[in-house]
Protein backbone atom coordinates (compact mmCIF):
# COMPACT_ATOMS: atom_id res chain seq x y z
CA MET A 1 -100.90 93.24 -106.60
CA ARG A 2 -98.00 95.33 -105.71
CA GLY A 3 -94.13 95.41 -106.91
CA MET A 4 -94.05 98.09 -110.13
CA THR A 5 -93.88 101.83 -109.35
CA ARG A 6 -93.54 105.02 -110.43
CA PHE A 7 -95.49 105.39 -113.71
CA THR A 8 -93.90 107.80 -115.80
CA GLY A 9 -96.91 107.80 -118.47
CA TRP A 10 -98.03 105.85 -121.50
CA PRO A 11 -95.19 106.01 -124.32
CA GLU A 12 -96.40 106.88 -127.57
CA GLN A 13 -95.71 103.71 -129.06
CA ALA A 14 -98.21 102.12 -127.43
CA PHE A 15 -100.51 103.71 -129.33
CA ASP A 16 -98.35 102.13 -132.39
CA VAL A 17 -98.90 98.75 -130.75
CA LEU A 18 -102.28 98.88 -130.44
CA LEU A 19 -102.76 100.13 -134.43
CA GLN A 20 -101.34 97.21 -135.10
CA LEU A 21 -103.59 94.94 -132.87
CA ASP A 22 -106.80 97.00 -134.38
CA GLY A 23 -109.38 95.19 -136.80
CA ASP A 24 -108.96 91.38 -137.03
CA PRO A 25 -105.08 90.48 -136.57
CA SER A 26 -104.02 86.89 -136.63
CA VAL A 27 -102.80 84.60 -134.05
CA ALA A 28 -99.26 85.13 -135.40
CA GLN A 29 -99.66 88.72 -135.39
CA ARG A 30 -100.75 89.03 -132.03
CA GLN A 31 -97.75 87.21 -130.82
CA LYS A 32 -95.73 88.97 -132.86
CA CYS A 33 -96.83 92.45 -130.91
CA ARG A 34 -97.14 90.82 -127.30
CA ARG A 35 -93.32 91.81 -126.07
CA ASP A 36 -93.88 94.99 -127.52
CA ARG A 37 -97.20 94.97 -126.27
CA GLU A 38 -96.89 93.90 -122.17
CA ARG A 39 -94.32 95.96 -122.46
CA LEU A 40 -95.34 99.69 -122.97
CA VAL A 41 -99.52 98.85 -123.00
CA ARG A 42 -99.97 96.49 -120.10
CA GLN A 43 -96.71 97.18 -117.46
CA PRO A 44 -97.65 101.13 -118.16
CA MET A 45 -101.38 100.31 -116.54
CA ALA A 46 -99.41 98.34 -113.30
CA ALA A 47 -97.52 101.13 -112.45
CA LEU A 48 -100.14 103.71 -112.98
CA LEU A 49 -101.97 101.57 -110.00
CA ASN A 50 -99.04 101.43 -108.26
CA ASP A 51 -98.82 104.36 -107.98
CA VAL A 52 -102.93 104.96 -107.12
CA ALA A 53 -102.59 102.25 -104.58
CA ASP A 54 -99.30 104.47 -102.92
CA ALA A 55 -101.52 108.21 -102.83
CA ASP A 56 -104.44 106.35 -101.62
CA PRO A 57 -104.66 102.19 -99.62
CA ARG A 58 -107.92 101.87 -100.35
CA TYR A 59 -107.32 101.79 -103.78
CA ASP A 60 -104.19 98.90 -103.34
CA ASP A 61 -106.58 95.33 -104.26
CA PHE A 62 -106.34 95.46 -108.08
CA SER A 63 -105.59 93.34 -110.88
CA VAL A 64 -104.10 94.17 -114.41
CA TRP A 65 -106.05 91.89 -117.20
CA GLY A 66 -103.41 89.62 -119.37
CA TYR A 67 -104.26 88.25 -122.81
CA GLY A 68 -107.32 86.44 -122.92
CA THR A 69 -108.35 84.43 -126.13
CA MET A 70 -110.68 87.11 -127.74
CA VAL A 71 -109.32 90.05 -129.76
CA TRP A 72 -110.71 92.03 -127.80
CA TRP A 73 -108.50 91.84 -124.80
CA TRP A 74 -105.22 92.51 -126.88
CA GLN A 75 -107.01 95.76 -128.46
CA HIS A 76 -107.96 97.43 -124.95
CA GLN A 77 -105.93 96.97 -121.41
CA GLY A 78 -108.16 97.05 -118.83
CA ALA A 79 -107.66 97.12 -115.32
CA VAL A 80 -109.87 96.54 -111.50
CA VAL A 81 -109.61 97.77 -108.37
CA ARG A 82 -111.96 95.75 -105.66
CA ILE A 83 -113.58 98.20 -103.17
CA GLY A 84 -115.48 95.87 -101.44
CA GLY A 85 -118.40 93.49 -101.75
CA LYS A 86 -119.12 93.17 -105.25
CA LEU A 87 -117.83 96.70 -106.07
CA GLU A 88 -115.51 97.62 -108.55
CA LEU A 89 -113.60 100.86 -110.20
CA GLY A 90 -112.11 99.74 -113.37
CA LEU A 91 -110.03 101.37 -115.83
CA ARG A 92 -109.20 100.79 -119.65
CA PHE A 93 -106.70 101.74 -121.94
CA ASP A 94 -107.26 101.79 -126.01
CA LEU A 95 -107.46 103.82 -128.80
CA ASP A 96 -109.44 106.05 -127.60
CA GLY A 97 -107.22 106.45 -124.47
CA LEU A 98 -108.49 106.05 -120.92
CA ASP A 99 -111.75 105.31 -119.19
CA VAL A 100 -112.56 105.12 -115.85
CA SER A 101 -115.80 103.42 -114.41
CA GLY A 102 -117.37 102.13 -111.00
CA GLY A 103 -119.51 99.58 -111.50
CA TRP A 104 -122.00 97.12 -109.72
CA ALA A 105 -122.69 93.23 -110.95
CA ASN A 106 -124.28 90.24 -108.76
CA GLY A 107 -124.33 92.03 -105.80
CA ALA A 108 -127.08 92.28 -103.46
CA GLN A 109 -130.34 92.86 -106.11
CA ASP A 110 -132.93 92.67 -102.78
CA LYS A 111 -131.35 95.41 -100.86
CA TYR A 112 -130.27 97.32 -103.74
CA ARG A 113 -133.97 97.35 -104.62
CA ALA A 114 -135.51 98.17 -101.34
CA ALA A 115 -133.45 100.85 -101.01
CA VAL A 116 -134.07 102.34 -104.30
CA ALA A 117 -137.46 102.28 -103.63
CA GLN A 118 -137.18 103.93 -100.48
CA GLU A 119 -138.05 108.00 -101.04
CA SER A 120 -134.78 109.18 -99.60
CA THR A 121 -132.29 106.66 -100.40
CA GLY A 122 -133.88 106.47 -104.16
CA ARG A 123 -133.78 110.28 -104.47
CA GLU A 124 -130.21 110.67 -103.46
CA LEU A 125 -128.84 106.79 -105.60
CA ASP A 126 -130.93 109.09 -108.57
CA ALA A 127 -129.23 112.38 -107.76
CA ILE A 128 -125.54 110.95 -107.28
CA LEU A 129 -126.38 109.86 -110.84
CA LYS A 130 -127.79 112.83 -111.93
CA ALA A 131 -124.95 114.65 -111.02
CA LEU A 132 -121.81 112.07 -113.19
CA GLN A 133 -123.82 111.83 -116.34
CA GLY A 134 -124.37 116.28 -115.87
CA ASN A 135 -120.75 115.77 -116.02
CA GLY A 136 -120.34 113.63 -118.61
CA CYS A 137 -120.22 110.09 -117.26
CA GLU A 138 -121.84 106.92 -119.36
CA LEU A 139 -124.51 105.37 -117.31
CA SER A 140 -125.13 101.58 -118.30
CA GLY A 141 -125.54 97.79 -117.60
CA ASP A 142 -127.98 95.03 -117.87
CA VAL A 143 -131.65 96.01 -117.19
CA MET A 144 -134.80 94.12 -117.29
CA LYS A 145 -137.49 94.82 -119.43
CA ARG A 146 -140.31 95.24 -116.43
CA ASN A 147 -140.21 96.31 -113.39
CA PRO A 148 -139.18 93.15 -111.44
CA ARG A 149 -142.13 91.62 -109.24
CA GLY A 150 -143.29 93.75 -106.56
CA TYR A 151 -142.92 96.84 -107.84
CA PRO A 152 -145.47 98.83 -109.30
CA ALA A 153 -145.12 100.01 -113.03
CA ASP A 154 -145.80 103.72 -112.35
CA HIS A 155 -142.89 103.62 -109.87
CA PRO A 156 -140.86 107.34 -110.11
CA ARG A 157 -137.55 105.03 -110.32
CA SER A 158 -139.28 102.34 -112.14
CA GLU A 159 -135.31 102.70 -114.13
CA LEU A 160 -133.45 102.52 -111.55
CA LEU A 161 -135.51 99.61 -110.26
CA ARG A 162 -134.52 97.18 -113.57
CA TYR A 163 -131.07 97.08 -113.22
CA ARG A 164 -129.49 93.81 -112.41
CA SER A 165 -126.18 95.66 -112.72
CA PHE A 166 -124.53 98.82 -114.09
CA SER A 167 -121.82 100.54 -114.76
CA VAL A 168 -120.90 104.30 -114.56
CA THR A 169 -118.34 104.95 -117.53
CA GLN A 170 -116.13 108.19 -117.63
CA PRO A 171 -114.13 108.97 -120.82
CA LEU A 172 -111.04 110.89 -119.68
CA GLY A 173 -110.01 111.01 -122.97
CA CYS A 174 -106.62 110.70 -124.94
CA ASP A 175 -104.49 114.16 -123.92
CA ASP A 176 -100.79 114.45 -123.31
CA TRP A 177 -101.10 114.58 -120.31
CA LEU A 178 -101.55 110.26 -121.01
CA HIS A 179 -97.72 110.23 -121.47
CA THR A 180 -97.19 111.78 -118.43
CA PRO A 181 -97.52 111.00 -114.17
CA GLU A 182 -100.24 113.58 -114.44
CA ALA A 183 -102.42 110.35 -115.10
CA VAL A 184 -102.01 109.20 -111.97
CA ASP A 185 -103.89 112.49 -109.81
CA ARG A 186 -106.71 112.06 -112.72
CA VAL A 187 -107.57 108.40 -112.14
CA LEU A 188 -107.51 109.38 -108.37
CA ALA A 189 -110.17 112.71 -109.08
CA SER A 190 -112.31 110.03 -110.76
CA PHE A 191 -112.29 107.69 -108.53
CA ALA A 192 -112.98 110.44 -106.09
CA GLU A 193 -115.93 111.48 -108.76
CA LEU A 194 -117.21 108.27 -108.40
CA ARG A 195 -116.89 107.91 -104.18
CA PRO A 196 -120.77 109.24 -104.00
CA LEU A 197 -122.20 106.53 -105.90
CA THR A 198 -119.69 103.32 -104.60
CA SER A 199 -120.63 104.75 -100.96
CA TRP A 200 -124.26 104.32 -101.61
CA LEU A 201 -124.14 101.36 -103.08
CA LEU A 202 -121.44 99.76 -99.98
CA GLU A 203 -124.67 100.64 -97.53
CA HIS A 204 -127.08 99.78 -99.60
CA ALA A 205 -126.13 96.64 -101.89
CA PRO A 206 -122.95 95.82 -101.23
CA GLY A 207 -123.91 92.13 -101.98
């Protein structure tokens, strides 16, 4: 998705629109806000990702979500950058500010588990995730209750083996830079911080 450029920041009025959509707004209220939401919330996200892609062509395959039937989609402006296989980098803008995430879903689970179980590659992933969590990132995902078949219950990386999918999210906050072009640099820096994780997944569980 290309064509819109020059991100100048989300205007203050973007939060006013999202406040009008907070709670459980009716369909009529959503439609009343639709034009302002498109102009003040969604279009800036598209502009930001165009500038991110101009800065680094690795991020030029992206989509900015539209309007779903569920209220959640109106309250949170999402976007994804596809970087290969089943891997995506995500962005979400809402009343809490901007989040950036790196995720893996529906990928090659057998390959992933084999790499986690193997000593060198498994320890590498564990270290990457611990470093990200130490820098304020949050790890979440679809986790099995028990280890997958064929792996002992006392495996040193049992927690990682149980993931069917996972995502690492970095909350960037809601500071004044959101209203300026500096947000582009913040997103690029977050993508770079997630690169050890996405590189590991592309190599060992591309899907």
